[in-house]
Protein backbone atom coordinates (compact mmCIF):
# COMPACT_ATOMS: atom_id res chain seq x y z
CA MET A 1 12.70 27.62 -12.23
CA SER A 2 9.37 25.80 -11.98
CA ARG A 3 7.34 25.82 -8.77
CA VAL A 4 6.50 22.15 -9.26
CA VAL A 5 9.18 19.48 -9.60
CA VAL A 6 8.64 15.78 -10.15
CA PHE A 7 11.58 13.53 -9.32
CA SER A 8 11.20 10.51 -11.55
CA ARG A 9 13.02 7.71 -13.31
CA MET A 10 12.60 5.82 -16.56
CA GLY A 11 10.46 2.70 -16.44
CA CYS A 12 8.51 3.83 -13.40
CA HIS A 13 4.77 3.32 -13.96
CA LEU A 14 3.89 5.38 -10.87
CA CYS A 15 5.98 8.22 -12.32
CA VAL A 16 3.93 8.17 -15.52
CA ASP A 17 0.73 8.45 -13.46
CA ALA A 18 2.17 11.22 -11.26
CA ILE A 19 3.38 13.27 -14.22
CA SER A 20 -0.07 13.01 -15.78
CA VAL A 21 -1.73 14.39 -12.61
CA VAL A 22 0.87 17.15 -12.24
CA GLN A 23 0.53 18.11 -15.89
CA SER A 24 -3.25 18.34 -15.59
CA VAL A 25 -3.14 20.45 -12.41
CA CYS A 26 -0.45 22.73 -13.82
CA LEU A 27 -2.39 23.27 -17.03
CA ASP A 28 -5.45 24.22 -14.96
CA THR A 29 -3.51 26.57 -12.69
CA GLY A 30 -1.13 28.07 -15.24
CA GLU A 31 1.92 26.81 -13.35
CA SER A 32 4.94 25.27 -14.96
CA PHE A 33 6.57 22.03 -13.86
CA GLU A 34 9.72 20.14 -14.55
CA VAL A 35 10.60 16.48 -14.40
CA ILE A 36 14.02 15.51 -13.11
CA ASP A 37 15.37 12.04 -13.85
CA ILE A 38 17.02 10.97 -10.61
CA ASP A 39 19.22 8.44 -12.41
CA SER A 40 21.22 11.34 -13.86
CA ASP A 41 22.66 12.19 -10.43
CA PRO A 42 23.96 9.71 -7.83
CA ALA A 43 22.97 12.07 -4.99
CA LEU A 44 19.37 12.12 -6.23
CA VAL A 45 19.36 8.33 -6.54
CA SER A 46 20.56 8.09 -2.95
CA GLU A 47 17.87 10.49 -1.73
CA TYR A 48 14.84 9.47 -3.81
CA SER A 49 15.40 5.96 -5.19
CA ASP A 50 12.87 4.18 -2.97
CA TYR A 51 10.31 6.99 -3.16
CA VAL A 52 9.87 8.03 -6.79
CA PRO A 53 7.87 9.74 -7.93
CA VAL A 54 8.40 12.58 -5.49
CA VAL A 55 6.56 15.86 -6.04
CA GLU A 56 7.72 19.17 -4.61
CA VAL A 57 6.07 22.59 -4.70
CA ASP A 58 8.30 25.55 -3.94
CA GLY A 59 10.95 23.12 -2.66
CA ILE A 60 8.60 21.44 -0.17
CA GLN A 61 7.82 17.77 -0.63
CA GLN A 62 4.11 17.21 -1.23
CA GLY A 63 4.16 13.46 -1.50
CA PHE A 64 5.67 10.40 -3.03
CA TRP A 65 4.55 7.24 -4.88
CA ARG A 66 1.06 8.64 -5.60
CA VAL A 67 0.12 12.26 -6.22
CA ASP A 68 -2.87 13.60 -4.32
CA GLU A 69 -4.41 16.04 -6.78
CA ALA A 70 -6.30 18.00 -4.10
CA ARG A 71 -3.17 18.40 -1.97
CA LEU A 72 -1.19 19.58 -4.98
CA ARG A 73 -3.84 22.18 -5.80
CA ARG A 74 -3.88 23.41 -2.18
CA ALA A 75 -0.10 23.71 -2.16
CA LEU A 76 -0.17 25.75 -5.35
CA ASP A 77 -2.99 27.97 -4.05
CA SER A 78 -1.30 28.61 -0.71
CA GLY A 79 1.92 29.78 -2.34
CA ARG A 80 0.29 32.58 -4.31
């Protein structure tokens, strides 16, 4: 399981931007990440629909709508 998870959906321009930031940070830090399409699960749609993209590190939400690169890096550093 990846430490970093991005909850996303198709057609979401903010999701594209967030995935780009997460990918860059994860490449720099050697971490893996996964993208989960919330539309594949009604429970995820109910939880995240108004907030995508949502980024979690180690199961803890780090933000939604826009990814703060510095915060993501701090979260990854603190979990080591």
